[in-house]
Protein backbone atom coordinates (compact mmCIF):
# COMPACT_ATOMS: atom_id res chain seq x y z
CA MET A 1 -20.34 16.76 5.91
CA HIS A 2 -16.53 16.94 6.45
CA THR A 3 -15.34 15.28 3.34
CA ASP A 4 -15.06 16.53 -0.30
CA ARG A 5 -16.57 14.52 -3.14
CA ALA A 6 -15.06 14.92 -6.64
CA HIS A 7 -16.31 13.19 -9.79
CA ASP A 8 -13.82 12.14 -12.41
CA PRO A 9 -12.44 15.50 -13.67
CA ALA A 10 -12.23 16.39 -17.34
CA HIS A 11 -8.65 17.43 -16.93
CA GLU A 12 -6.76 15.06 -14.61
CA THR A 13 -4.06 16.99 -12.69
CA HIS A 14 -2.56 13.91 -10.88
CA ASP A 15 -0.37 11.38 -12.47
CA LEU A 16 -1.96 8.18 -11.08
CA ARG A 17 0.84 6.06 -12.86
CA HIS A 18 3.53 7.83 -10.98
CA HIS A 19 5.06 5.49 -8.17
CA GLY A 20 7.97 5.78 -5.82
CA ASP A 21 10.26 3.50 -7.83
CA ALA A 22 10.54 6.35 -10.40
CA GLU A 23 12.60 8.22 -7.88
CA VAL A 24 15.23 5.63 -7.86
CA ARG A 25 15.61 4.72 -11.52
CA ASP A 26 18.28 5.88 -13.87
CA ASP A 27 20.04 8.85 -12.33
CA GLY A 28 18.54 8.09 -8.94
CA ALA A 29 19.86 4.29 -8.77
CA GLN A 30 22.55 5.38 -6.43
CA LEU A 31 20.50 7.23 -3.95
CA ILE A 32 19.63 6.27 -0.47
CA ASP A 33 15.96 5.19 -0.97
CA LEU A 34 13.19 6.71 1.26
CA ALA A 35 10.87 6.76 -1.74
CA VAL A 36 9.84 3.10 -2.06
CA ASN A 37 7.96 1.45 0.79
CA VAL A 38 9.72 -1.84 0.63
CA ARG A 39 11.34 -2.97 3.77
CA ALA A 40 15.19 -2.60 3.56
CA ASP A 41 17.57 -5.59 3.42
CA THR A 42 15.00 -7.92 1.98
CA PRO A 43 14.43 -10.58 0.93
CA PRO A 44 15.99 -12.51 3.84
CA ALA A 45 18.51 -15.33 2.85
CA TRP A 46 16.18 -18.13 3.96
CA LEU A 47 13.53 -16.77 1.62
CA ARG A 48 15.98 -16.32 -1.32
CA GLU A 49 16.87 -19.96 -0.74
CA ARG A 50 13.35 -21.19 -0.98
CA ILE A 51 12.75 -19.28 -4.06
CA ALA A 52 15.94 -20.61 -5.63
CA ASP A 53 15.15 -24.26 -4.73
CA SER A 54 11.88 -23.70 -6.79
CA LEU A 55 13.82 -23.09 -9.99
CA THR A 56 14.53 -26.80 -10.59
CA GLY A 57 10.68 -27.11 -11.20
CA LEU A 58 10.45 -24.31 -13.81
CA ALA A 59 9.80 -26.96 -16.69
CA ALA A 60 6.38 -27.63 -15.11
CA TYR A 61 3.47 -25.38 -15.22
CA PRO A 62 2.85 -23.48 -11.85
CA ASP A 63 0.66 -25.18 -9.47
CA GLY A 64 -0.79 -22.92 -6.87
CA ARG A 65 -2.66 -25.34 -4.71
CA ALA A 66 -0.20 -25.60 -1.79
CA ALA A 67 0.37 -21.89 -1.55
CA ARG A 68 -3.28 -21.18 -1.82
CA ALA A 69 -4.07 -23.58 0.95
CA ALA A 70 -1.18 -22.04 3.01
CA VAL A 71 -2.65 -18.62 2.68
CA ALA A 72 -6.13 -19.98 3.64
CA ALA A 73 -4.77 -21.68 6.74
CA ARG A 74 -2.81 -18.53 7.69
CA HIS A 75 -6.16 -16.43 7.72
CA GLY A 76 -8.42 -19.40 9.03
CA LEU A 77 -10.43 -19.52 5.69
CA PRO A 78 -11.38 -22.12 3.22
CA VAL A 79 -9.34 -22.27 0.00
CA ASP A 80 -12.43 -21.12 -2.04
CA ARG A 81 -12.09 -17.62 -0.39
CA VAL A 82 -8.44 -17.15 -1.50
CA LEU A 83 -7.04 -15.95 -4.82
CA LEU A 84 -3.30 -15.70 -5.55
CA THR A 85 -2.30 -12.78 -7.75
CA ALA A 86 0.81 -11.33 -9.33
CA GLY A 87 0.94 -8.72 -6.70
CA ALA A 88 -1.92 -6.58 -5.33
CA ALA A 89 -1.64 -4.51 -8.54
CA GLU A 90 -3.10 -7.51 -10.56
CA ALA A 91 -6.05 -7.65 -8.16
CA PHE A 92 -6.82 -3.97 -8.85
CA VAL A 93 -7.10 -4.75 -12.55
CA LEU A 94 -9.15 -7.97 -12.03
CA LEU A 95 -11.61 -6.19 -9.73
CA ALA A 96 -11.94 -3.39 -12.41
CA ARG A 97 -12.48 -5.77 -15.23
CA ALA A 98 -14.34 -8.55 -13.58
CA LEU A 99 -16.94 -6.93 -11.51
CA LYS A 100 -20.07 -5.27 -12.87
CA VAL A 101 -20.36 -2.05 -10.97
CA ARG A 102 -22.13 1.33 -11.79
CA GLN A 103 -20.79 3.71 -9.09
CA PRO A 104 -17.31 3.05 -7.92
CA VAL A 105 -15.86 5.32 -5.20
CA VAL A 106 -12.07 5.44 -4.28
CA VAL A 107 -11.26 7.05 -0.92
CA HIS A 108 -8.23 9.42 -1.44
CA PRO A 109 -5.47 10.26 -0.65
CA GLN A 110 -4.36 6.70 -1.30
CA PHE A 111 -2.47 4.49 -3.61
CA THR A 112 -3.42 5.59 -7.12
CA GLU A 113 -3.21 2.29 -8.99
CA PRO A 114 -6.78 1.19 -8.10
CA GLU A 115 -8.47 4.22 -9.57
CA ALA A 116 -6.06 3.90 -12.67
CA ALA A 117 -7.16 0.37 -13.14
CA LEU A 118 -10.89 1.27 -12.85
CA ARG A 119 -10.51 4.14 -15.33
CA ASP A 120 -8.73 1.90 -17.77
CA ALA A 121 -11.59 -0.62 -17.63
CA GLY A 122 -14.04 2.19 -18.61
CA HIS A 123 -15.48 3.10 -15.24
CA ALA A 124 -16.36 6.57 -14.16
CA VAL A 125 -14.82 6.94 -10.77
CA GLU A 126 -15.91 9.04 -8.09
CA ARG A 127 -13.42 10.32 -5.47
CA VAL A 128 -13.90 10.79 -1.82
CA LEU A 129 -11.25 13.25 -0.72
CA LEU A 130 -10.47 12.88 3.02
CA ARG A 131 -9.29 16.26 4.52
CA GLU A 132 -6.24 17.18 6.26
CA ALA A 133 -8.34 18.96 8.86
CA ASP A 134 -9.85 15.54 9.84
CA GLY A 135 -6.25 13.86 9.86
CA PHE A 136 -7.22 12.35 6.61
CA ARG A 137 -9.43 9.95 8.60
CA LEU A 138 -12.76 8.51 7.43
CA THR A 139 -15.73 10.56 8.69
CA SER A 140 -19.35 9.53 8.91
CA GLY A 141 -21.25 10.00 5.73
CA ALA A 142 -18.03 10.36 3.65
CA VAL A 143 -19.03 7.69 1.12
CA PRO A 144 -22.14 8.17 -0.95
CA GLU A 145 -24.82 5.75 -0.35
CA GLY A 146 -25.34 4.83 -3.90
CA ALA A 147 -21.68 3.49 -4.30
CA ASP A 148 -21.63 -0.17 -5.25
CA LEU A 149 -17.84 -0.36 -5.11
CA VAL A 150 -15.76 1.29 -2.38
CA LEU A 151 -11.99 1.12 -2.30
CA ILE A 152 -9.90 2.24 0.65
CA GLY A 153 -6.40 1.51 1.86
CA ASN A 154 -5.65 0.56 5.52
CA PRO A 155 -3.13 1.53 6.62
CA THR A 156 -3.37 3.98 3.95
CA ASN A 157 -0.51 4.80 1.61
CA PRO A 158 0.60 7.71 1.78
CA THR A 159 -1.05 9.22 4.77
CA SER A 160 0.03 6.23 7.09
CA VAL A 161 -3.53 6.54 8.65
CA LEU A 162 -4.89 3.33 10.38
CA HIS A 163 -8.57 3.42 10.16
CA PRO A 164 -10.50 1.53 12.78
CA ALA A 165 -11.77 -1.90 11.45
CA ALA A 166 -15.19 -0.98 12.79
CA SER A 167 -15.19 2.26 10.82
CA ILE A 168 -14.52 0.53 7.63
CA ALA A 169 -16.84 -2.32 8.34
CA ARG A 170 -19.57 0.21 8.66
CA LEU A 171 -19.21 1.14 4.95
CA ALA A 172 -20.53 -2.52 3.98
CA ARG A 173 -24.04 -2.52 2.43
CA PRO A 174 -25.97 -5.24 0.60
CA GLY A 175 -25.02 -5.02 -2.99
CA ARG A 176 -21.79 -3.20 -2.22
CA ILE A 177 -18.27 -4.54 -2.84
CA LEU A 178 -16.01 -3.11 -0.09
CA VAL A 179 -12.36 -3.35 -1.10
CA VAL A 180 -9.76 -2.86 1.62
CA ASP A 181 -6.19 -2.67 0.37
CA GLU A 182 -4.26 -4.09 3.32
CA ALA A 183 -0.88 -4.11 1.43
CA PHE A 184 0.94 -2.66 4.62
CA MET A 185 -1.12 -4.42 7.42
CA ASP A 186 1.62 -6.84 8.07
CA ALA A 187 3.82 -3.91 9.08
CA VAL A 188 1.43 -2.89 11.83
CA PRO A 189 2.17 -4.64 15.22
CA GLY A 190 -0.49 -7.27 15.84
CA GLU A 191 -2.09 -6.36 12.53
CA ARG A 192 -4.73 -4.64 14.56
CA GLU A 193 -7.65 -3.21 12.69
CA THR A 194 -7.27 -6.01 9.93
CA LEU A 195 -10.27 -7.38 8.30
CA ALA A 196 -8.55 -10.30 6.79
CA GLY A 197 -10.25 -13.49 7.82
CA ARG A 198 -13.64 -11.80 8.50
CA THR A 199 -16.61 -13.62 6.71
CA ASP A 200 -19.36 -11.83 8.52
CA ILE A 201 -19.14 -8.51 6.37
CA PRO A 202 -21.13 -8.46 3.20
CA GLY A 203 -19.25 -7.79 -0.10
CA LEU A 204 -15.83 -7.62 1.73
CA VAL A 205 -12.73 -7.96 -0.33
CA VAL A 206 -9.39 -7.80 1.30
CA LEU A 207 -6.19 -7.38 -0.64
CA ARG A 208 -2.73 -8.42 0.68
CA SER A 209 0.87 -8.06 -0.75
CA LEU A 210 3.96 -9.87 0.19
CA THR A 211 5.89 -7.28 -1.68
CA LYS A 212 6.67 -4.69 1.13
CA THR A 213 7.55 -6.79 4.14
CA TRP A 214 9.42 -9.43 2.35
CA GLY A 215 11.20 -7.37 -0.41
CA LEU A 216 9.56 -9.29 -3.44
CA ALA A 217 8.51 -6.32 -5.54
CA GLY A 218 10.39 -7.87 -8.39
CA LEU A 219 8.63 -11.40 -7.95
CA ARG A 220 5.05 -9.96 -7.96
CA ILE A 221 3.07 -11.95 -5.43
CA GLY A 222 -0.21 -10.98 -3.37
CA TYR A 223 -3.60 -12.36 -2.81
CA VAL A 224 -7.24 -11.60 -2.47
CA LEU A 225 -9.55 -12.78 0.48
CA ALA A 226 -13.24 -12.61 -0.60
CA ALA A 227 -16.46 -14.60 -0.66
CA PRO A 228 -16.25 -17.71 -2.97
CA GLU A 229 -18.48 -16.20 -5.68
CA THR A 230 -16.35 -13.07 -5.90
CA ILE A 231 -13.17 -15.22 -5.92
CA ALA A 232 -14.58 -17.12 -8.85
CA GLU A 233 -15.47 -14.03 -10.82
CA LEU A 234 -11.99 -12.66 -10.34
CA GLU A 235 -10.33 -16.07 -11.24
CA ARG A 236 -12.25 -16.16 -14.53
CA ALA A 237 -10.66 -12.76 -15.49
CA GLN A 238 -7.16 -13.92 -14.82
CA PRO A 239 -4.97 -15.41 -17.52
CA LEU A 240 -3.74 -19.03 -17.21
CA TRP A 241 -1.01 -19.61 -14.60
CA PRO A 242 -0.80 -15.89 -13.57
CA VAL A 243 1.52 -16.54 -10.71
CA SER A 244 4.93 -18.08 -11.30
CA THR A 245 6.43 -21.09 -9.56
CA PRO A 246 8.98 -18.99 -7.82
CA ALA A 247 6.31 -16.48 -6.48
CA LEU A 248 4.14 -19.39 -5.34
CA ALA A 249 7.19 -20.87 -3.46
CA ALA A 250 7.66 -17.44 -1.81
CA ALA A 251 3.90 -17.22 -0.87
CA GLU A 252 4.03 -20.57 0.76
CA ALA A 253 7.18 -19.88 2.66
CA CYS A 254 6.00 -16.61 3.98
CA MET A 255 2.94 -18.29 5.45
CA ASP A 256 5.06 -20.60 7.71
CA ALA A 257 5.02 -19.99 11.47
CA PRO A 258 8.69 -18.76 11.54
CA ALA A 259 8.10 -16.31 8.68
CA LEU A 260 4.90 -14.81 10.59
CA ALA A 261 7.06 -14.37 13.56
CA GLU A 262 9.89 -12.71 11.75
CA ALA A 263 7.24 -10.32 10.08
CA ALA A 264 5.60 -9.68 13.51
CA HIS A 265 9.12 -8.76 14.98
CA ALA A 266 9.87 -6.53 11.95
CA ALA A 267 6.65 -4.73 12.49
CA HIS A 268 7.65 -3.76 16.09
CA ARG A 269 11.11 -2.73 14.81
CA ILE A 270 9.50 -0.63 12.12
CA ALA A 271 7.34 1.08 14.78
CA ALA A 272 10.36 2.01 16.76
CA ASP A 273 12.20 3.23 13.74
CA ARG A 274 9.26 5.28 12.73
CA ALA A 275 8.98 6.87 16.27
CA HIS A 276 12.72 7.81 15.88
CA LEU A 277 11.96 9.42 12.43
CA VAL A 278 9.05 11.25 13.65
CA ALA A 279 10.79 12.52 16.69
CA GLY A 280 13.58 13.89 14.41
CA LEU A 281 11.09 15.42 11.93
CA THR A 282 9.28 17.41 14.68
CA GLU A 283 12.57 19.29 15.25
CA PHE A 284 11.87 20.96 12.07
CA ALA A 285 8.60 22.39 13.19
CA PRO A 286 10.09 25.94 13.46
CA ASP A 287 10.88 25.58 9.77
CA GLY A 288 7.12 24.95 8.96
CA LEU A 289 7.44 21.20 8.58
CA GLN A 290 4.36 19.22 9.75
CA VAL A 291 4.23 15.56 10.28
CA MET A 292 0.87 13.78 9.84
CA GLU A 293 0.29 11.88 13.11
CA PRO A 294 -0.37 9.36 14.20
CA ALA A 295 1.52 7.37 11.56
CA GLU A 296 0.89 3.69 11.64
CA GLY A 297 2.33 2.46 8.35
CA PRO A 298 6.13 1.95 7.43
CA PHE A 299 6.19 5.48 6.04
CA VAL A 300 5.47 9.09 7.14
CA LEU A 301 3.61 11.94 5.39
CA VAL A 302 5.07 15.35 5.92
CA ARG A 303 4.17 18.80 4.61
CA VAL A 304 7.08 21.21 4.19
CA PRO A 305 7.33 24.67 2.76
CA ASN A 306 9.38 24.61 -0.70
CA ALA A 307 8.93 20.96 -0.83
CA VAL A 308 9.87 20.79 -4.47
CA ALA A 309 13.08 22.50 -3.73
CA VAL A 310 13.59 20.43 -0.64
CA ARG A 311 13.31 17.18 -2.57
CA ARG A 312 15.61 18.54 -5.20
CA HIS A 313 18.17 19.21 -2.80
CA LEU A 314 17.91 16.01 -0.90
CA ARG A 315 18.59 14.21 -4.21
CA ASP A 316 21.80 16.29 -4.69
CA LEU A 317 22.73 15.20 -1.09
CA GLY A 318 22.08 11.62 -1.84
CA PHE A 319 18.53 10.91 -0.69
CA ALA A 320 15.33 9.95 -2.74
CA VAL A 321 11.92 10.70 -1.16
CA ARG A 322 8.44 10.41 -2.69
CA ARG A 323 6.60 13.42 -4.08
CA GLY A 324 3.14 13.92 -2.88
CA ASP A 325 1.47 15.86 -5.57
CA THR A 326 0.49 12.71 -7.58
CA PHE A 327 -1.91 11.74 -4.98
CA PRO A 328 -5.48 13.15 -5.31
CA GLY A 329 -6.05 15.24 -2.25
CA LEU A 330 -2.46 16.31 -1.82
CA ASN A 331 -0.31 18.85 -3.66
CA ALA A 332 3.26 19.71 -4.12
CA GLU A 333 3.85 20.65 -0.52
CA TRP A 334 3.86 17.01 0.62
CA LEU A 335 6.44 14.35 0.72
CA ARG A 336 6.41 10.70 1.81
CA LEU A 337 9.29 9.16 3.67
CA ALA A 338 9.84 5.48 3.97
CA VAL A 339 10.97 4.23 7.45
CA ARG A 340 14.49 3.13 7.48
CA ASP A 341 16.81 2.08 10.31
CA ARG A 342 18.15 4.58 12.88
CA THR A 343 21.49 5.08 11.15
CA THR A 344 20.13 5.83 7.92
CA VAL A 345 17.41 8.14 9.43
CA ASN A 346 20.08 10.09 11.25
CA ARG A 347 21.91 10.64 8.01
CA PHE A 348 18.75 11.59 6.27
CA LEU A 349 17.80 14.10 9.04
CA GLN A 350 21.14 15.80 8.56
CA ALA A 351 20.62 15.88 4.88
CA LEU A 352 17.13 17.42 5.45
CA ASP A 353 18.47 20.12 7.58
CA GLN A 354 20.76 20.98 4.78
CA ALA A 355 17.98 20.83 2.11
CA VAL A 356 15.69 22.92 4.23
CA THR A 357 18.28 25.67 4.73
CA LEU A 358 19.15 25.60 1.09
CA SER A 359 15.55 25.76 -0.15
CA GLY A 360 15.08 28.86 2.03
CA LYS A 361 17.75 30.83 0.40
């Protein structure tokens, strides 16, 4: 066994409710943001216009049928396999509240909100901690056989690991719900390793977000893909009209062919910008900085000596980065860096050089 298992500890040492936006609130509002994994310069003008056009219909209650049909068509699924949600975060709460599970397992390091939602719903959560020695990759036998809900991110936030679809599919069991958070999959060229659209895997639930690629964190729009009976259970747990009319308009717009082509183009650009960032970071190897590779998401995880001081100096130099110690399986030596354009990255690398020097004094 190459994976550590940890039951819900009596004294939680990770702040599961800490997210990257905390780095750029209040006194961080003017910082250059490498802490939040939302694509820069979004939403695009055409999407803002589609959202603005929807405002004339705000007197009517939201009608999600067209958006739901658009999502279904985009993934080649019937509409009863789609549920629209107020961002992927709502989906985590619905899963925690609606599904009757006895032994939920969350694979870490990953986005912490799913575990927080499960705990808030009264579940005792078991953790599977993937190891740095394995590249934070899923290993055979990592997940206990008795788990009846397994939650894993792909590509995983914050490690930027893209697990093979076949490896995740092998986690499926009769009587088990297998939840795959694909919030960043549309930032992967070709969306390779996606399980969205698959109907042959028992218990599969795929979560998608439109927040990251399209810059809609303030609008809250995502969706769930699952078997009709699972969708029906989750839908019963939703409040009435959970997704606003502007968010529905955005969802429908983002499923159009031109939007999908734009997202595909953005994924290739992100990959090129990420390669530039990684190349620059590797220059800091003599200073002890380590990059987790291969990185496949729109962010990179690094371990750096004196990371707390480095992060503080970066703030003083005008840059916000995401601390890693709030993720189970990581500690204060880790930082997550969002991928940005080359000009921004070059400026960041210069600031990092200063921050590393200052932290060593």
